[in-house]
Amino acid sequence: MTPATDRRLWAVAGWLAVAHIVVMLGGFALESTPMLGSEPSVAGAALVEASMAMTFTGGYLEFLSFLVFLMAVTLIAHLLRGHTDTSRWVSSSIAAAGVTYVAVTISSGFAAGAAAMYDGHHGVPLATVTTVNDVRNFAYFLSIAVLGLFTLCVAVAVRVTGTLPRWVSSTGFVAGGLCVVAVPGAGFGLVDDATLVWLLWFIAFAVAALHRARKATTVRSTPPPLA
């Protein structure tokens, strides 16, 4: 890979990470989804009384954000591939975990959530609608562990290849480990805390990627000293 290509791809990876977070949070702002164990009145307000058009718009934005994340995952895996058997194995694990996370989120999380909202506005009993939505909630809980695996693999790859600052790896171990261990404590809100920590880490990763691209540009554009 030429230095110019490497620079451009790191910039793309950074902006894809930023785009994923921005679009996803925009989707969250429009959605109204009850969590596991919500009171019937809360579930009814979210799945039966809330605007289906607005919720579906938010859900579609969130769906698009995960398509962006899928692109980011494959690019990050490529950029962290390295030149050793270990780094190539970890790179493959990054791609596999990222793709699995997106697949579980879209197929089980988004599909079940959309079905619950649609059924709630078409006369299906609230108990049934809540059950369908709980499938979405449990899919979300399990997907966070897969996201944690993705993050841990990125942390290992960064440490092995040395392509990004060491703090990206150190904080990645913390964020990824928290995502994995938070799943059993989902009923106590630990998954939400882990997700927030991961979002902060991914923003930091994006900044580090953009800084690497900018640093490479600065180094290349600096003229050599006069003899």
Protein backbone atom coordinates (compact mmCIF):
# COMPACT_ATOMS: atom_id res chain seq x y z
CA MET A 1 0.00 0.00 0.00
CA THR A 2 1.40 3.40 -0.95
CA PRO A 3 1.64 6.13 1.73
CA ALA A 4 -1.01 8.18 -0.09
CA THR A 5 -3.44 5.26 -0.15
CA ASP A 6 -2.74 4.43 3.48
CA ARG A 7 -3.42 8.06 4.42
CA ARG A 8 -6.69 8.18 2.51
CA LEU A 9 -7.95 4.88 3.93
CA TRP A 10 -7.24 5.91 7.52
CA ALA A 11 -9.13 9.13 6.87
CA VAL A 12 -12.04 7.15 5.42
CA ALA A 13 -12.03 4.80 8.42
CA GLY A 14 -12.13 7.75 10.81
CA TRP A 15 -14.99 9.49 9.01
CA LEU A 16 -16.97 6.25 8.69
CA ALA A 17 -16.71 5.80 12.46
CA VAL A 18 -17.91 9.37 13.01
CA ALA A 19 -20.76 8.91 10.52
CA HIS A 20 -21.89 5.70 12.22
CA ILE A 21 -22.17 7.39 15.60
CA VAL A 22 -23.82 10.59 14.34
CA VAL A 23 -26.44 8.83 12.21
CA MET A 24 -27.13 6.23 14.89
CA LEU A 25 -27.69 8.86 17.58
CA GLY A 26 -29.95 10.74 15.16
CA GLY A 27 -32.02 7.59 14.76
CA PHE A 28 -32.17 7.08 18.52
CA ALA A 29 -33.63 10.57 18.93
CA LEU A 30 -36.65 9.66 16.81
CA GLU A 31 -37.34 6.21 18.23
CA SER A 32 -39.49 5.19 21.16
CA THR A 33 -38.79 1.64 22.29
CA PRO A 34 -39.57 0.06 25.68
CA MET A 35 -36.82 -1.81 27.44
CA LEU A 36 -37.05 -5.23 29.04
CA GLY A 37 -39.44 -5.25 31.99
CA SER A 38 -41.12 -1.93 31.17
CA GLU A 39 -44.54 -1.31 32.67
CA PRO A 40 -47.52 -2.04 30.35
CA SER A 41 -48.33 1.66 30.21
CA VAL A 42 -44.78 2.45 29.04
CA ALA A 43 -44.83 -0.37 26.48
CA GLY A 44 -48.21 0.74 25.20
CA ALA A 45 -47.12 4.34 24.85
CA ALA A 46 -44.04 3.29 22.87
CA LEU A 47 -45.45 0.50 20.70
CA VAL A 48 -49.11 1.44 20.27
CA GLU A 49 -49.51 5.18 20.80
CA ALA A 50 -46.21 6.55 19.48
CA SER A 51 -45.97 7.75 15.89
CA MET A 52 -45.13 4.79 13.68
CA ALA A 53 -43.83 7.06 10.92
CA MET A 54 -41.37 8.81 13.22
CA THR A 55 -40.25 5.59 14.87
CA PHE A 56 -39.72 3.87 11.51
CA THR A 57 -37.79 6.90 10.28
CA GLY A 58 -35.53 6.67 13.30
CA GLY A 59 -35.17 2.94 12.82
CA TYR A 60 -34.22 3.39 9.18
CA LEU A 61 -31.57 5.95 10.10
CA GLU A 62 -30.19 3.52 12.65
CA PHE A 63 -30.23 0.78 10.00
CA LEU A 64 -28.23 3.01 7.65
CA SER A 65 -25.74 3.71 10.42
CA PHE A 66 -25.06 -0.01 10.71
CA LEU A 67 -24.46 -0.29 7.00
CA VAL A 68 -21.85 2.43 7.49
CA PHE A 69 -20.43 0.50 10.44
CA LEU A 70 -20.18 -2.61 8.26
CA MET A 71 -18.03 -0.67 5.79
CA ALA A 72 -15.92 0.65 8.66
CA VAL A 73 -15.42 -2.84 10.09
CA THR A 74 -14.01 -4.31 6.90
CA LEU A 75 -11.74 -1.30 6.36
CA ILE A 76 -10.46 -1.34 9.95
CA ALA A 77 -9.70 -5.05 9.62
CA HIS A 78 -7.77 -4.33 6.42
CA LEU A 79 -5.77 -1.46 7.91
CA LEU A 80 -4.83 -3.50 11.00
CA ARG A 81 -3.89 -6.63 9.08
CA GLY A 82 -0.16 -6.27 9.65
CA HIS A 83 2.48 -8.64 8.33
CA THR A 84 2.52 -11.54 10.80
CA ASP A 85 0.36 -14.63 11.18
CA THR A 86 -0.92 -13.31 14.50
CA SER A 87 -1.94 -9.92 13.14
CA ARG A 88 -3.64 -11.50 10.12
CA TRP A 89 -5.60 -13.86 12.37
CA VAL A 90 -6.69 -11.00 14.63
CA SER A 91 -7.63 -8.96 11.56
CA SER A 92 -9.88 -11.79 10.36
CA SER A 93 -11.45 -11.93 13.82
CA ILE A 94 -12.15 -8.17 13.67
CA ALA A 95 -14.03 -8.61 10.40
CA ALA A 96 -15.90 -11.72 11.59
CA ALA A 97 -16.99 -10.16 14.89
CA GLY A 98 -18.01 -6.89 13.23
CA VAL A 99 -20.04 -8.60 10.53
CA THR A 100 -21.72 -10.86 13.12
CA TYR A 101 -22.59 -7.85 15.27
CA VAL A 102 -24.24 -6.10 12.34
CA ALA A 103 -26.05 -9.27 11.25
CA VAL A 104 -27.51 -9.92 14.72
CA THR A 105 -28.52 -6.29 15.15
CA ILE A 106 -30.28 -6.04 11.79
CA SER A 107 -31.84 -9.49 11.53
CA SER A 108 -32.98 -9.92 15.13
CA GLY A 109 -32.94 -6.46 16.66
CA PHE A 110 -34.28 -4.18 13.94
CA ALA A 111 -36.63 -6.76 12.43
CA ALA A 112 -38.24 -7.66 15.75
CA GLY A 113 -38.52 -4.03 16.83
CA ALA A 114 -40.18 -3.03 13.57
CA ALA A 115 -42.57 -5.98 13.77
CA ALA A 116 -43.56 -5.06 17.33
CA MET A 117 -44.28 -1.47 16.34
CA TYR A 118 -46.24 -2.49 13.24
CA ASP A 119 -48.31 -5.08 15.12
CA GLY A 120 -48.99 -2.63 17.93
CA HIS A 121 -50.60 -0.25 15.44
CA HIS A 122 -52.66 -3.00 13.80
CA GLY A 123 -54.65 -4.43 16.66
CA VAL A 124 -52.33 -7.13 18.00
CA PRO A 125 -52.67 -7.54 21.81
CA LEU A 126 -50.12 -5.62 23.86
CA ALA A 127 -48.84 -8.79 25.55
CA THR A 128 -47.94 -10.28 22.17
CA VAL A 129 -46.39 -7.04 20.94
CA THR A 130 -44.29 -6.80 24.11
CA THR A 131 -43.08 -10.38 23.65
CA VAL A 132 -41.94 -9.62 20.12
CA ASN A 133 -40.17 -6.49 21.35
CA ASP A 134 -38.43 -8.52 24.05
CA VAL A 135 -36.80 -10.55 21.26
CA ARG A 136 -35.32 -7.27 20.09
CA ASN A 137 -34.11 -6.47 23.60
CA PHE A 138 -32.40 -9.83 24.10
CA ALA A 139 -30.84 -9.63 20.63
CA TYR A 140 -29.45 -6.23 21.63
CA PHE A 141 -28.01 -7.63 24.87
CA LEU A 142 -26.27 -10.52 23.11
CA SER A 143 -24.99 -8.32 20.29
CA ILE A 144 -23.15 -6.15 22.81
CA ALA A 145 -20.96 -9.14 23.74
CA VAL A 146 -20.11 -9.59 20.06
CA LEU A 147 -19.33 -5.87 19.86
CA GLY A 148 -17.04 -6.39 22.83
CA LEU A 149 -15.21 -9.15 20.96
CA PHE A 150 -14.78 -6.82 17.98
CA THR A 151 -13.34 -4.13 20.25
CA LEU A 152 -10.98 -6.53 22.01
CA CYS A 153 -9.69 -7.76 18.65
CA VAL A 154 -9.10 -4.17 17.51
CA ALA A 155 -7.22 -3.52 20.75
CA VAL A 156 -5.01 -6.57 20.18
CA ALA A 157 -4.38 -5.63 16.54
CA VAL A 158 -3.41 -2.08 17.46
CA ARG A 159 -1.01 -3.42 20.11
CA VAL A 160 0.52 -5.97 17.71
CA THR A 161 0.88 -3.72 14.67
CA GLY A 162 1.61 -0.43 16.42
CA THR A 163 -0.37 1.46 13.77
CA LEU A 164 -2.22 3.64 16.29
CA PRO A 165 -1.25 5.10 19.68
CA ARG A 166 -0.98 2.63 22.53
CA TRP A 167 -3.83 4.31 24.43
CA VAL A 168 -6.26 3.19 21.71
CA SER A 169 -5.37 -0.38 22.56
CA SER A 170 -5.45 0.10 26.34
CA THR A 171 -8.85 1.80 26.35
CA GLY A 172 -10.10 -0.75 23.82
CA PHE A 173 -9.37 -3.57 26.25
CA VAL A 174 -11.41 -1.75 28.90
CA ALA A 175 -14.36 -0.95 26.60
CA GLY A 176 -14.41 -4.39 24.99
CA GLY A 177 -14.11 -6.25 28.26
CA LEU A 178 -16.91 -4.18 29.79
CA CYS A 179 -19.19 -4.99 26.85
CA VAL A 180 -18.61 -8.73 27.31
CA VAL A 181 -19.10 -8.84 31.09
CA ALA A 182 -22.08 -6.43 31.04
CA VAL A 183 -24.44 -8.90 29.35
CA PRO A 184 -25.32 -10.90 32.51
CA GLY A 185 -26.08 -7.59 34.24
CA ALA A 186 -28.35 -6.31 31.48
CA GLY A 187 -31.29 -6.20 33.88
CA PHE A 188 -29.40 -3.73 36.05
CA GLY A 189 -28.57 -1.35 33.21
CA LEU A 190 -24.94 -2.47 32.79
CA VAL A 191 -25.37 -2.91 29.05
CA ASP A 192 -26.38 0.73 28.69
CA ASP A 193 -23.29 1.79 30.65
CA ALA A 194 -21.07 -0.45 28.54
CA THR A 195 -22.59 0.95 25.34
CA LEU A 196 -21.85 4.51 26.47
CA VAL A 197 -18.23 3.60 27.26
CA TRP A 198 -17.92 1.93 23.85
CA LEU A 199 -19.30 4.99 22.06
CA LEU A 200 -16.70 7.17 23.76
CA TRP A 201 -13.97 4.71 22.80
CA PHE A 202 -15.12 4.55 19.17
CA ILE A 203 -15.11 8.34 18.97
CA ALA A 204 -11.57 8.28 20.33
CA PHE A 205 -10.65 5.63 17.76
CA ALA A 206 -12.03 7.85 14.99
CA VAL A 207 -9.97 10.79 16.25
CA ALA A 208 -6.84 8.62 16.34
CA ALA A 209 -7.48 7.39 12.79
CA LEU A 210 -7.99 10.92 11.48
CA HIS A 211 -4.92 12.11 13.33
CA ARG A 212 -2.85 9.34 11.73
CA ALA A 213 -4.06 10.40 8.28
CA ARG A 214 -3.34 14.06 9.03
CA LYS A 215 0.08 13.27 10.51
CA ALA A 216 1.02 11.28 7.42
CA THR A 217 -0.03 14.22 5.24
CA THR A 218 2.04 16.67 7.31
CA VAL A 219 5.12 14.47 7.23
CA ARG A 220 4.88 13.95 3.50
CA SER A 221 4.26 17.63 2.71
CA THR A 222 7.19 18.89 4.83
CA PRO A 223 10.11 19.66 2.51
CA PRO A 224 13.46 18.05 3.29
CA PRO A 225 16.04 20.25 5.03
CA LEU A 226 18.60 22.02 2.88
CA ALA A 227 22.02 20.40 2.81
